[in-house]
C-alpha atoms as a PDB file:
ATOM      1  CA  MET A   1     102.698  77.860 159.464  1.00  0.00           C
ATOM      2  CA  LYS A   2     102.988  77.230 155.797  1.00  0.00           C
ATOM      3  CA  THR A   3     106.478  77.743 154.176  1.00  0.00           C
ATOM      4  CA  VAL A   4     106.674  79.772 150.854  1.00  0.00           C
ATOM      5  CA  GLY A   5     109.418  79.229 148.562  1.00  0.00           C
ATOM      6  CA  ILE A   6     110.253  81.980 146.070  1.00  0.00           C
ATOM      7  CA  VAL A   7     112.442  80.932 143.201  1.00  0.00           C
ATOM      8  CA  ILE A   8     114.998  83.780 142.059  1.00  0.00           C
ATOM      9  CA  GLY A   9     118.448  83.787 140.454  1.00  0.00           C
ATOM     10  CA  THR A  10     118.157  86.087 137.444  1.00  0.00           C
ATOM     11  CA  GLU A  11     120.606  88.992 136.261  1.00  0.00           C
ATOM     12  CA  THR A  12     118.374  90.353 133.591  1.00  0.00           C
ATOM     13  CA  GLY A  13     116.691  93.461 135.291  1.00  0.00           C
ATOM     14  CA  TRP A  14     117.828  95.902 138.030  1.00  0.00           C
ATOM     15  CA  ILE A  15     116.205  97.976 140.550  1.00  0.00           C
ATOM     16  CA  SER A  16     116.154 101.733 140.303  1.00  0.00           C
ATOM     17  CA  GLU A  17     118.002 103.987 142.837  1.00  0.00           C
ATOM     18  CA  LYS A  18     114.961 105.541 143.862  1.00  0.00           C
ATOM     19  CA  TYR A  19     113.700 102.084 144.675  1.00  0.00           C
ATOM     20  CA  TYR A  20     116.763 101.239 146.587  1.00  0.00           C
ATOM     21  CA  GLN A  21     116.799 104.515 148.552  1.00  0.00           C
ATOM     22  CA  LYS A  22     113.273 103.916 149.648  1.00  0.00           C
ATOM     23  CA  ASN A  23     113.180 100.433 150.487  1.00  0.00           C
ATOM     24  CA  LYS A  24     116.526  99.915 152.226  1.00  0.00           C
ATOM     25  CA  LYS A  25     115.149  98.470 155.202  1.00  0.00           C
ATOM     26  CA  LYS A  26     113.335  95.505 153.359  1.00  0.00           C
ATOM     27  CA  LEU A  27     116.648  94.761 150.984  1.00  0.00           C
ATOM     28  CA  ASP A  28     118.684  94.595 154.230  1.00  0.00           C
ATOM     29  CA  TYR A  29     117.362  91.090 154.021  1.00  0.00           C
ATOM     30  CA  LEU A  30     119.546  90.280 151.165  1.00  0.00           C
ATOM     31  CA  ASP A  31     122.491  90.336 153.636  1.00  0.00           C
ATOM     32  CA  THR A  32     121.106  87.172 155.424  1.00  0.00           C
ATOM     33  CA  LEU A  33     121.297  84.953 152.299  1.00  0.00           C
ATOM     34  CA  ASP A  34     123.971  82.619 151.928  1.00  0.00           C
ATOM     35  CA  PRO A  35     126.625  83.885 149.496  1.00  0.00           C
ATOM     36  CA  SER A  36     126.279  81.115 146.963  1.00  0.00           C
ATOM     37  CA  ILE A  37     122.702  82.168 145.980  1.00  0.00           C
ATOM     38  CA  LEU A  38     123.623  85.849 145.852  1.00  0.00           C
ATOM     39  CA  TYR A  39     123.826  87.707 142.230  1.00  0.00           C
ATOM     40  CA  LYS A  40     126.904  88.784 140.694  1.00  0.00           C
ATOM     41  CA  SER A  41     125.924  92.245 139.617  1.00  0.00           C
ATOM     42  CA  ASP A  42     126.434  95.674 141.563  1.00  0.00           C
ATOM     43  CA  ALA A  43     122.804  96.590 141.536  1.00  0.00           C
ATOM     44  CA  VAL A  44     119.984  94.292 142.719  1.00  0.00           C
ATOM     45  CA  PRO A  45     118.128  92.214 140.454  1.00  0.00           C
ATOM     46  CA  TYR A  46     114.535  92.695 140.317  1.00  0.00           C
ATOM     47  CA  ASP A  47     113.536  89.020 141.463  1.00  0.00           C
ATOM     48  CA  TYR A  48     115.690  89.605 144.707  1.00  0.00           C
ATOM     49  CA  ALA A  49     113.842  92.871 145.416  1.00  0.00           C
ATOM     50  CA  ILE A  50     110.585  91.253 145.050  1.00  0.00           C
ATOM     51  CA  LEU A  51     111.973  88.468 147.293  1.00  0.00           C
ATOM     52  CA  CYS A  52     112.444  91.393 150.220  1.00  0.00           C
ATOM     53  CA  GLU A  53     108.758  92.150 149.532  1.00  0.00           C
ATOM     54  CA  PHE A  54     107.503  88.846 149.905  1.00  0.00           C
ATOM     55  CA  LYS A  55     109.371  88.592 153.314  1.00  0.00           C
ATOM     56  CA  ALA A  56     108.473  91.995 154.407  1.00  0.00           C
ATOM     57  CA  LEU A  57     104.707  90.600 154.471  1.00  0.00           C
ATOM     58  CA  GLU A  58     105.010  87.289 155.731  1.00  0.00           C
ATOM     59  CA  LYS A  59     104.046  87.942 159.381  1.00  0.00           C
ATOM     60  CA  ASN A  60     101.016  89.876 158.042  1.00  0.00           C
ATOM     61  CA  PHE A  61     100.332  86.395 156.109  1.00  0.00           C
ATOM     62  CA  LYS A  62     101.455  83.974 158.717  1.00  0.00           C
ATOM     63  CA  VAL A  63     103.833  82.207 156.451  1.00  0.00           C
ATOM     64  CA  ASN A  64     107.317  81.689 156.534  1.00  0.00           C
ATOM     65  CA  VAL A  65     109.303  83.051 153.216  1.00  0.00           C
ATOM     66  CA  VAL A  66     112.156  81.229 151.956  1.00  0.00           C
ATOM     67  CA  PRO A  67     114.332  81.758 148.723  1.00  0.00           C
ATOM     68  CA  LEU A  68     114.910  78.892 146.318  1.00  0.00           C
ATOM     69  CA  HIS A  69     117.729  79.403 144.055  1.00  0.00           C
ATOM     70  CA  GLY A  70     116.754  78.714 140.292  1.00  0.00           C
ATOM     71  CA  PRO A  71     119.866  77.832 138.673  1.00  0.00           C
ATOM     72  CA  THR A  72     120.687  74.969 141.412  1.00  0.00           C
ATOM     73  CA  LEU A  73     116.985  74.134 142.058  1.00  0.00           C
ATOM     74  CA  ASN A  74     116.682  70.830 143.778  1.00  0.00           C
ATOM     75  CA  LEU A  75     113.960  68.634 144.971  1.00  0.00           C
ATOM     76  CA  GLU A  76     114.928  68.519 148.640  1.00  0.00           C
ATOM     77  CA  SER A  77     114.743  72.110 149.181  1.00  0.00           C
ATOM     78  CA  ALA A  78     111.260  72.422 147.104  1.00  0.00           C
ATOM     79  CA  ASN A  79     110.026  69.674 149.092  1.00  0.00           C
ATOM     80  CA  GLU A  80     110.536  71.666 152.242  1.00  0.00           C
ATOM     81  CA  CYS A  81     108.072  74.065 150.797  1.00  0.00           C
ATOM     82  CA  ASP A  82     103.893  74.110 150.930  1.00  0.00           C
ATOM     83  CA  PHE A  83     103.753  76.671 147.953  1.00  0.00           C
ATOM     84  CA  ILE A  84     106.291  77.606 145.450  1.00  0.00           C
ATOM     85  CA  PHE A  85     106.076  80.852 143.469  1.00  0.00           C
ATOM     86  CA  CYS A  86     108.337  81.110 140.411  1.00  0.00           C
ATOM     87  CA  ILE A  87     109.984  84.307 139.368  1.00  0.00           C
ATOM     88  CA  TYR A  88     113.126  82.774 137.783  1.00  0.00           C
ATOM     89  CA  GLU A  89     111.557  80.505 134.939  1.00  0.00           C
ATOM     90  CA  GLY A  90     112.326  77.914 132.525  1.00  0.00           C
ATOM     91  CA  VAL A  91     113.914  80.418 129.789  1.00  0.00           C
ATOM     92  CA  PHE A  92     116.367  81.751 132.411  1.00  0.00           C
ATOM     93  CA  SER A  93     117.147  77.893 133.027  1.00  0.00           C
ATOM     94  CA  PHE A  94     117.972  77.208 129.597  1.00  0.00           C
ATOM     95  CA  MET A  95     119.852  80.494 129.552  1.00  0.00           C
ATOM     96  CA  ASP A  96     122.009  79.233 132.491  1.00  0.00           C
ATOM     97  CA  GLY A  97     122.307  75.715 131.978  1.00  0.00           C
ATOM     98  CA  GLY A  98     121.067  74.684 128.514  1.00  0.00           C
ATOM     99  CA  TYR A  99     118.376  71.932 128.200  1.00  0.00           C
ATOM    100  CA  LYS A 100     120.046  69.913 131.250  1.00  0.00           C
ATOM    101  CA  GLY A 101     119.472  73.106 133.265  1.00  0.00           C
ATOM    102  CA  TYR A 102     115.903  73.290 131.902  1.00  0.00           C
ATOM    103  CA  ASN A 103     115.134  70.014 132.310  1.00  0.00           C
ATOM    104  CA  ASN A 104     116.067  69.823 135.887  1.00  0.00           C
ATOM    105  CA  TYR A 105     114.250  72.981 136.486  1.00  0.00           C
ATOM    106  CA  MET A 106     110.981  71.323 135.046  1.00  0.00           C
ATOM    107  CA  ASN A 107     111.502  67.882 136.800  1.00  0.00           C
ATOM    108  CA  VAL A 108     112.176  69.448 140.087  1.00  0.00           C
ATOM    109  CA  LEU A 109     108.960  71.407 140.004  1.00  0.00           C
ATOM    110  CA  THR A 110     106.929  68.461 138.390  1.00  0.00           C
ATOM    111  CA  LYS A 111     108.244  66.205 141.195  1.00  0.00           C
ATOM    112  CA  THR A 112     107.614  68.354 144.242  1.00  0.00           C
ATOM    113  CA  LYS A 113     104.975  67.870 146.723  1.00  0.00           C
ATOM    114  CA  ALA A 114     104.495  71.623 147.136  1.00  0.00           C
ATOM    115  CA  THR A 115     102.053  73.463 145.098  1.00  0.00           C
ATOM    116  CA  VAL A 116     103.748  75.389 142.149  1.00  0.00           C
ATOM    117  CA  HIS A 117     102.400  78.665 140.823  1.00  0.00           C
ATOM    118  CA  PRO A 118     102.188  79.125 137.932  1.00  0.00           C
ATOM    119  CA  SER A 119     101.786  75.276 137.111  1.00  0.00           C
ATOM    120  CA  VAL A 120     104.519  73.425 135.455  1.00  0.00           C
ATOM    121  CA  LYS A 121     101.738  73.008 132.569  1.00  0.00           C
ATOM    122  CA  VAL A 122     100.936  76.580 131.811  1.00  0.00           C
ATOM    123  CA  GLN A 123     104.919  77.436 132.150  1.00  0.00           C
ATOM    124  CA  LYS A 124     105.455  74.859 129.144  1.00  0.00           C
ATOM    125  CA  PHE A 125     102.556  76.144 127.455  1.00  0.00           C
ATOM    126  CA  ILE A 126     103.933  79.958 127.427  1.00  0.00           C
ATOM    127  CA  ILE A 127     107.341  78.728 127.027  1.00  0.00           C
ATOM    128  CA  ASN A 128     106.542  76.696 123.807  1.00  0.00           C
ATOM    129  CA  LYS A 129     105.464  79.910 121.719  1.00  0.00           C
ATOM    130  CA  HIS A 130     104.293  77.850 118.595  1.00  0.00           C
ATOM    131  CA  GLU A 131     101.655  76.539 121.197  1.00  0.00           C
ATOM    132  CA  TYR A 132     100.308  79.517 122.310  1.00  0.00           C
ATOM    133  CA  MET A 133     100.396  81.316 119.069  1.00  0.00           C
ATOM    134  CA  GLY A 134      98.391  78.657 117.237  1.00  0.00           C
ATOM    135  CA  TRP A 135      95.752  78.840 120.122  1.00  0.00           C
ATOM    136  CA  LEU A 136      95.697  82.677 119.740  1.00  0.00           C
ATOM    137  CA  GLU A 137      95.170  82.371 115.931  1.00  0.00           C
ATOM    138  CA  LYS A 138      92.440  79.713 116.670  1.00  0.00           C
ATOM    139  CA  LEU A 139      90.456  81.876 118.692  1.00  0.00           C
ATOM    140  CA  GLY A 140      90.652  84.752 116.318  1.00  0.00           C
ATOM    141  CA  PHE A 141      93.195  86.886 117.877  1.00  0.00           C
ATOM    142  CA  ASP A 142      95.655  88.927 115.639  1.00  0.00           C
ATOM    143  CA  ILE A 143      99.138  87.624 115.549  1.00  0.00           C
ATOM    144  CA  ILE A 144     102.185  88.119 113.035  1.00  0.00           C
ATOM    145  CA  PRO A 145     102.080  85.173 110.463  1.00  0.00           C
ATOM    146  CA  THR A 146     104.590  82.772 111.710  1.00  0.00           C
ATOM    147  CA  LYS A 147     106.627  79.869 110.340  1.00  0.00           C
ATOM    148  CA  PHE A 148     108.239  77.281 112.999  1.00  0.00           C
ATOM    149  CA  ILE A 149     111.235  75.541 112.043  1.00  0.00           C
ATOM    150  CA  ASN A 150     112.066  72.516 113.656  1.00  0.00           C
ATOM    151  CA  ILE A 151     115.952  72.344 114.032  1.00  0.00           C
ATOM    152  CA  ASN A 152     115.756  68.447 113.881  1.00  0.00           C
ATOM    153  CA  SER A 153     113.890  68.674 110.412  1.00  0.00           C
ATOM    154  CA  TYR A 154     116.269  71.427 109.149  1.00  0.00           C
ATOM    155  CA  ASN A 155     119.111  69.021 110.129  1.00  0.00           C
ATOM    156  CA  ASN A 156     117.829  66.093 108.429  1.00  0.00           C
ATOM    157  CA  ASN A 157     116.997  67.826 105.053  1.00  0.00           C
ATOM    158  CA  LYS A 158     118.350  71.630 104.738  1.00  0.00           C
ATOM    159  CA  LYS A 159     117.322  72.087 101.246  1.00  0.00           C
ATOM    160  CA  LYS A 160     113.679  70.991 102.247  1.00  0.00           C
ATOM    161  CA  THR A 161     113.505  73.437 105.343  1.00  0.00           C
ATOM    162  CA  LEU A 162     114.853  76.057 103.380  1.00  0.00           C
ATOM    163  CA  ASP A 163     112.441  75.794 100.426  1.00  0.00           C
ATOM    164  CA  THR A 164     109.749  75.985 103.014  1.00  0.00           C
ATOM    165  CA  ILE A 165     111.242  79.308 104.311  1.00  0.00           C
ATOM    166  CA  HIS A 166     111.561  80.847 100.763  1.00  0.00           C
ATOM    167  CA  ASN A 167     107.953  79.653  99.931  1.00  0.00           C
ATOM    168  CA  PHE A 168     106.467  81.178 103.069  1.00  0.00           C
ATOM    169  CA  ALA A 169     108.232  84.441 102.087  1.00  0.00           C
ATOM    170  CA  GLU A 170     107.027  83.927  98.571  1.00  0.00           C
ATOM    171  CA  ARG A 171     103.289  83.554  99.693  1.00  0.00           C
ATOM    172  CA  GLY A 172     103.573  86.791 101.645  1.00  0.00           C
ATOM    173  CA  SER A 173     105.253  88.757  99.505  1.00  0.00           C
ATOM    174  CA  TYR A 174     107.903  89.253 102.151  1.00  0.00           C
ATOM    175  CA  LYS A 175     111.058  90.683 101.023  1.00  0.00           C
ATOM    176  CA  GLU A 176     112.634  90.798 104.426  1.00  0.00           C
ATOM    177  CA  LEU A 177     112.514  88.297 107.390  1.00  0.00           C
ATOM    178  CA  ILE A 178     113.242  87.832 111.025  1.00  0.00           C
ATOM    179  CA  MET A 179     114.193  84.597 112.783  1.00  0.00           C
ATOM    180  CA  LYS A 180     114.307  83.886 116.688  1.00  0.00           C
ATOM    181  CA  PRO A 181     114.711  80.690 118.721  1.00  0.00           C
ATOM    182  CA  GLU A 182     111.971  79.422 120.804  1.00  0.00           C
ATOM    183  CA  LEU A 183     113.374  79.864 124.258  1.00  0.00           C
ATOM    184  CA  GLY A 184     115.398  82.820 123.249  1.00  0.00           C
ATOM    185  CA  ALA A 185     115.131  85.894 125.504  1.00  0.00           C
ATOM    186  CA  PHE A 186     116.256  89.271 125.233  1.00  0.00           C
ATOM    187  CA  ALA A 187     116.664  89.290 121.645  1.00  0.00           C
ATOM    188  CA  GLY A 188     118.996  86.117 121.955  1.00  0.00           C
ATOM    189  CA  GLY A 189     119.451  84.498 118.707  1.00  0.00           C
ATOM    190  CA  PHE A 190     117.249  87.239 116.937  1.00  0.00           C
ATOM    191  CA  LYS A 191     118.479  87.835 113.156  1.00  0.00           C
ATOM    192  CA  HIS A 192     116.865  90.101 110.730  1.00  0.00           C
ATOM    193  CA  TYR A 193     117.459  88.993 106.876  1.00  0.00           C
ATOM    194  CA  LYS A 194     117.371  92.297 104.548  1.00  0.00           C
ATOM    195  CA  ARG A 195     118.170  89.550 101.811  1.00  0.00           C
ATOM    196  CA  ILE A 196     117.123  85.877 102.032  1.00  0.00           C
ATOM    197  CA  THR A 197     119.842  83.957 101.068  1.00  0.00           C
ATOM    198  CA  ASP A 198     120.597  80.236 101.668  1.00  0.00           C
ATOM    199  CA  LYS A 199     123.997  80.566 102.649  1.00  0.00           C
ATOM    200  CA  SER A 200     123.204  82.917 105.449  1.00  0.00           C
ATOM    201  CA  MET A 201     120.219  80.768 106.572  1.00  0.00           C
ATOM    202  CA  ILE A 202     122.562  77.803 106.635  1.00  0.00           C
ATOM    203  CA  SER A 203     124.839  79.810 108.900  1.00  0.00           C
ATOM    204  CA  TYR A 204     122.278  81.024 111.357  1.00  0.00           C
ATOM    205  CA  PHE A 205     120.448  77.557 111.496  1.00  0.00           C
ATOM    206  CA  ASP A 206     123.897  75.608 112.206  1.00  0.00           C
ATOM    207  CA  ARG A 207     124.692  78.242 114.934  1.00  0.00           C
ATOM    208  CA  VAL A 208     121.307  77.870 116.686  1.00  0.00           C
ATOM    209  CA  SER A 209     121.627  73.934 116.644  1.00  0.00           C
ATOM    210  CA  LYS A 210     124.874  73.953 118.106  1.00  0.00           C
ATOM    211  CA  LYS A 211     123.596  76.120 120.921  1.00  0.00           C
ATOM    212  CA  GLY A 212     120.884  73.524 121.496  1.00  0.00           C
ATOM    213  CA  TYR A 213     117.721  75.102 120.306  1.00  0.00           C
ATOM    214  CA  LYS A 214     115.144  73.012 119.197  1.00  0.00           C
ATOM    215  CA  LYS A 215     112.519  75.442 117.210  1.00  0.00           C
ATOM    216  CA  VAL A 216     112.977  78.702 115.665  1.00  0.00           C
ATOM    217  CA  LEU A 217     110.215  81.091 114.338  1.00  0.00           C
ATOM    218  CA  VAL A 218     110.183  82.950 111.142  1.00  0.00           C
ATOM    219  CA  GLN A 219     108.108  85.799 110.567  1.00  0.00           C
ATOM    220  CA  PRO A 220     107.960  88.971 108.088  1.00  0.00           C
ATOM    221  CA  TYR A 221     110.189  92.021 109.269  1.00  0.00           C
ATOM    222  CA  ILE A 222     107.584  94.420 110.298  1.00  0.00           C
ATOM    223  CA  PRO A 223     109.313  98.364 110.056  1.00  0.00           C
ATOM    224  CA  GLU A 224     106.330  99.817 112.007  1.00  0.00           C
ATOM    225  CA  PHE A 225     107.288  97.336 115.016  1.00  0.00           C
ATOM    226  CA  LEU A 226     110.615  99.350 115.509  1.00  0.00           C
ATOM    227  CA  LYS A 227     109.255 102.696 114.388  1.00  0.00           C
ATOM    228  CA  TYR A 228     106.440 102.830 117.038  1.00  0.00           C
ATOM    229  CA  TYR A 229     106.153 101.769 120.681  1.00  0.00           C
ATOM    230  CA  GLU A 230     105.237  98.445 121.909  1.00  0.00           C
ATOM    231  CA  ILE A 231     102.850  98.335 124.199  1.00  0.00           C
ATOM    232  CA  LYS A 232     103.157  96.289 127.234  1.00  0.00           C
ATOM    233  CA  THR A 233     100.094  95.672 129.468  1.00  0.00           C
ATOM    234  CA  PHE A 234     100.377  93.969 133.220  1.00  0.00           C
ATOM    235  CA  TRP A 235      97.613  92.368 134.940  1.00  0.00           C
ATOM    236  CA  LEU A 236      97.370  90.976 138.385  1.00  0.00           C
ATOM    237  CA  HIS A 237      95.040  88.253 139.158  1.00  0.00           C
ATOM    238  CA  GLY A 238      93.306  89.050 135.681  1.00  0.00           C
ATOM    239  CA  THR A 239      92.801  92.643 136.818  1.00  0.00           C
ATOM    240  CA  TYR A 240      94.766  95.355 134.540  1.00  0.00           C
ATOM    241  CA  LEU A 241      97.364  96.926 136.704  1.00  0.00           C
ATOM    242  CA  TYR A 242      99.313  99.261 134.139  1.00  0.00           C
ATOM    243  CA  ALA A 243     100.717  99.647 130.717  1.00  0.00           C
ATOM    244  CA  TYR A 244     103.904 101.184 129.206  1.00  0.00           C
ATOM    245  CA  GLY A 245     105.452 101.638 125.938  1.00  0.00           C
ATOM    246  CA  ILE A 246     108.838 100.701 124.839  1.00  0.00           C
ATOM    247  CA  ASN A 247     111.165 101.495 121.663  1.00  0.00           C
ATOM    248  CA  VAL A 248     112.265  98.104 120.792  1.00  0.00           C
ATOM    249  CA  ILE A 249     115.489  99.203 119.227  1.00  0.00           C
ATOM    250  CA  GLY A 250     116.325 101.362 122.442  1.00  0.00           C
ATOM    251  CA  GLU A 251     116.498 104.562 120.681  1.00  0.00           C
ATOM    252  CA  LYS A 252     113.902 106.427 122.952  1.00  0.00           C
ATOM    253  CA  ASP A 253     112.926 106.045 126.557  1.00  0.00           C
ATOM    254  CA  ASP A 254     110.082 104.032 127.585  1.00  0.00           C
ATOM    255  CA  VAL A 255     106.896 105.947 127.820  1.00  0.00           C
ATOM    256  CA  TYR A 256     103.551 105.844 130.122  1.00  0.00           C
ATOM    257  CA  PRO A 257     100.081 106.365 129.026  1.00  0.00           C
ATOM    258  CA  GLU A 258      98.708 109.831 128.829  1.00  0.00           C
ATOM    259  CA  ALA A 259      96.235 108.999 131.482  1.00  0.00           C
ATOM    260  CA  VAL A 260      99.227 108.858 133.869  1.00  0.00           C
ATOM    261  CA  GLY A 261     100.971 112.052 132.665  1.00  0.00           C
ATOM    262  CA  GLY A 262     102.888 110.406 129.551  1.00  0.00           C
ATOM    263  CA  THR A 263     102.897 110.427 126.115  1.00  0.00           C
ATOM    264  CA  LEU A 264     101.205 106.963 124.921  1.00  0.00           C
ATOM    265  CA  PRO A 265      98.226 107.779 123.174  1.00  0.00           C
ATOM    266  CA  ASP A 266      95.383 106.295 125.634  1.00  0.00           C
ATOM    267  CA  GLU A 267      93.357 105.503 122.503  1.00  0.00           C
ATOM    268  CA  TYR A 268      96.231 102.777 121.385  1.00  0.00           C
ATOM    269  CA  VAL A 269      96.418 101.507 125.400  1.00  0.00           C
ATOM    270  CA  ASN A 270      92.748 101.184 125.436  1.00  0.00           C
ATOM    271  CA  SER A 271      92.486  99.042 122.532  1.00  0.00           C
ATOM    272  CA  CYS A 272      95.085  96.773 123.771  1.00  0.00           C
ATOM    273  CA  ARG A 273      93.581  96.663 127.101  1.00  0.00           C
ATOM    274  CA  LYS A 274      90.457  95.613 125.506  1.00  0.00           C
ATOM    275  CA  THR A 275      92.113  92.874 123.389  1.00  0.00           C
ATOM    276  CA  GLY A 276      94.308  91.919 126.860  1.00  0.00           C
ATOM    277  CA  ALA A 277      91.284  91.131 128.967  1.00  0.00           C
ATOM    278  CA  LYS A 278      89.580  88.855 126.116  1.00  0.00           C
ATOM    279  CA  ILE A 279      92.826  86.890 125.986  1.00  0.00           C
ATOM    280  CA  ILE A 280      93.000  86.762 129.867  1.00  0.00           C
ATOM    281  CA  LYS A 281      89.462  85.297 129.828  1.00  0.00           C
ATOM    282  CA  GLU A 282      90.702  82.493 127.446  1.00  0.00           C
ATOM    283  CA  LEU A 283      93.922  81.923 129.171  1.00  0.00           C
ATOM    284  CA  PHE A 284      92.234  81.667 132.873  1.00  0.00           C
ATOM    285  CA  LYS A 285      89.228  79.370 131.338  1.00  0.00           C
ATOM    286  CA  LYS A 286      92.115  77.102 129.915  1.00  0.00           C
ATOM    287  CA  TYR A 287      94.563  76.959 132.932  1.00  0.00           C
ATOM    288  CA  GLY A 288      92.836  78.795 135.898  1.00  0.00           C
ATOM    289  CA  THR A 289      93.708  82.211 137.196  1.00  0.00           C
ATOM    290  CA  LEU A 290      97.359  83.375 137.290  1.00  0.00           C
ATOM    291  CA  ALA A 291      99.044  85.632 139.935  1.00  0.00           C
ATOM    292  CA  GLU A 292     100.582  88.072 137.035  1.00  0.00           C
ATOM    293  CA  THR A 293     100.322  88.145 133.359  1.00  0.00           C
ATOM    294  CA  ARG A 294     101.992  90.536 130.821  1.00  0.00           C
ATOM    295  CA  ILE A 295     100.437  90.927 126.987  1.00  0.00           C
ATOM    296  CA  ASP A 296     102.675  92.738 124.653  1.00  0.00           C
ATOM    297  CA  PHE A 297     101.198  94.333 121.417  1.00  0.00           C
ATOM    298  CA  GLY A 298     103.247  95.268 118.483  1.00  0.00           C
ATOM    299  CA  CYS A 299     102.330  97.458 115.569  1.00  0.00           C
ATOM    300  CA  CYS A 300     100.897  97.077 112.922  1.00  0.00           C
ATOM    301  CA  ILE A 301      98.438  94.716 111.238  1.00  0.00           C
ATOM    302  CA  ASP A 302      98.479  94.641 107.378  1.00  0.00           C
ATOM    303  CA  ASN A 303      95.161  96.172 106.783  1.00  0.00           C
ATOM    304  CA  ASP A 304      94.147  99.321 105.212  1.00  0.00           C
ATOM    305  CA  ASN A 305      92.859 100.843 108.515  1.00  0.00           C
ATOM    306  CA  LEU A 306      93.894 104.838 108.714  1.00  0.00           C
ATOM    307  CA  CYS A 307      94.497 104.190 112.418  1.00  0.00           C
ATOM    308  CA  ARG A 308      97.006 101.841 113.888  1.00  0.00           C
ATOM    309  CA  ASP A 309      96.143  98.235 114.731  1.00  0.00           C
ATOM    310  CA  TYR A 310      98.183  96.340 117.286  1.00  0.00           C
ATOM    311  CA  PHE A 311      98.643  92.746 117.007  1.00  0.00           C
ATOM    312  CA  VAL A 312      99.611  90.632 119.838  1.00  0.00           C
ATOM    313  CA  ASN A 313     103.069  89.976 120.001  1.00  0.00           C
ATOM    314  CA  GLU A 314     103.832  87.900 123.201  1.00  0.00           C
ATOM    315  CA  ILE A 315     102.128  86.450 126.298  1.00  0.00           C
ATOM    316  CA  GLU A 316     104.302  86.348 129.443  1.00  0.00           C
ATOM    317  CA  ILE A 317     103.258  84.882 132.857  1.00  0.00           C
ATOM    318  CA  LEU A 318     106.572  85.274 134.568  1.00  0.00           C
ATOM    319  CA  PRO A 319     107.808  88.449 133.019  1.00  0.00           C
ATOM    320  CA  THR A 320     110.786  90.418 133.795  1.00  0.00           C
ATOM    321  CA  ILE A 321     109.124  93.391 135.702  1.00  0.00           C
ATOM    322  CA  ILE A 322     111.092  97.028 136.824  1.00  0.00           C
ATOM    323  CA  ASP A 323     109.782  99.147 139.412  1.00  0.00           C
ATOM    324  CA  ASP A 324     110.107 102.282 137.392  1.00  0.00           C
ATOM    325  CA  GLU A 325     107.980 100.965 134.625  1.00  0.00           C
ATOM    326  CA  THR A 326     105.081 102.185 136.378  1.00  0.00           C
ATOM    327  CA  LYS A 327     104.437 104.451 139.044  1.00  0.00           C
ATOM    328  CA  LYS A 328     102.546 102.004 141.126  1.00  0.00           C
ATOM    329  CA  ASP A 329     104.110  99.836 143.697  1.00  0.00           C
ATOM    330  CA  ASN A 330     104.246  96.814 141.307  1.00  0.00           C
ATOM    331  CA  PHE A 331     106.642  94.812 143.493  1.00  0.00           C
ATOM    332  CA  ARG A 332     104.787  94.837 146.737  1.00  0.00           C
ATOM    333  CA  LEU A 333     101.469  94.308 144.956  1.00  0.00           C
ATOM    334  CA  LEU A 334     102.401  91.229 143.504  1.00  0.00           C
ATOM    335  CA  ALA A 335     103.957  89.774 146.489  1.00  0.00           C
ATOM    336  CA  LYS A 336     100.547  90.553 148.058  1.00  0.00           C
ATOM    337  CA  THR A 337      98.543  88.870 145.499  1.00  0.00           C
ATOM    338  CA  VAL A 338     100.687  85.867 145.413  1.00  0.00           C
ATOM    339  CA  LEU A 339     100.424  85.528 149.314  1.00  0.00           C
ATOM    340  CA  GLU A 340      96.586  85.852 149.082  1.00  0.00           C
ATOM    341  CA  ARG A 341      96.687  83.013 147.232  1.00  0.00           C
ATOM    342  CA  VAL A 342      98.615  80.734 149.594  1.00  0.00           C
END
């Protein structure tokens, strides 16, 4: 019998009361876990709930499912597994332990004898946003114009770095900019500049440098991105499963597409879905089939079209998912999809 390790340990998204009431019996498994790997929040984090879905299916797939604690991941525990599926991922390891935690996470997954999914290679590709954005652009997909700033280059020559940002803004006629560190998550380190001054940028870069970030992305501020919904499309094993829209600044509730009783226009969802299918095809060609992928689209491309054309904002291969972002049983379907690969 194969042992399947599920890497957990996030504290970023929690299950709904409806899910809790419906799945109490499955969630009882959490009472058997060592207190040292349990979550600290009052509500159950999404990854712990997904672990319970894996555990509920283990007899069907004739495997032994065990938890692996991401923040304290070690090679000995990893090597006790035949297959490892990561929910807790590299960005979380950086959030919890800086580059020391990140390097430990990646080193363990690189050295373990277990099969790791997603592979370390594709995890690093997605985490290093400058790599996959360049890849998307090369393939002809619409993305936001982006300048990546190397923190070492900034520390070595601040004036030269700031000049490149000013030049980037001037060439594109961008009056406002946004900045966000690579490996930053959930708006961590996000900064919106209504006025681009050396003083404010120096303060920002000095701060992110002290926190250990190595790269910062610089992009034009797009008002429409905050005004309209960001569309998130979720795929299992390369097959589209669902989409939903979020209001980036949180002034409105998330919305479902019109096709499932919501208000998010199907026209926009279908357009994003069509582009997403093309990206999935290219991504799988490069790295093989992935159990889950989420591709996010923002509004809008700077063109003269009357309709709103969405750009690719982000690719996630280990996204934070919540049970109520869809009417489908996404936690169970994810667990089933992964176990079918073992």
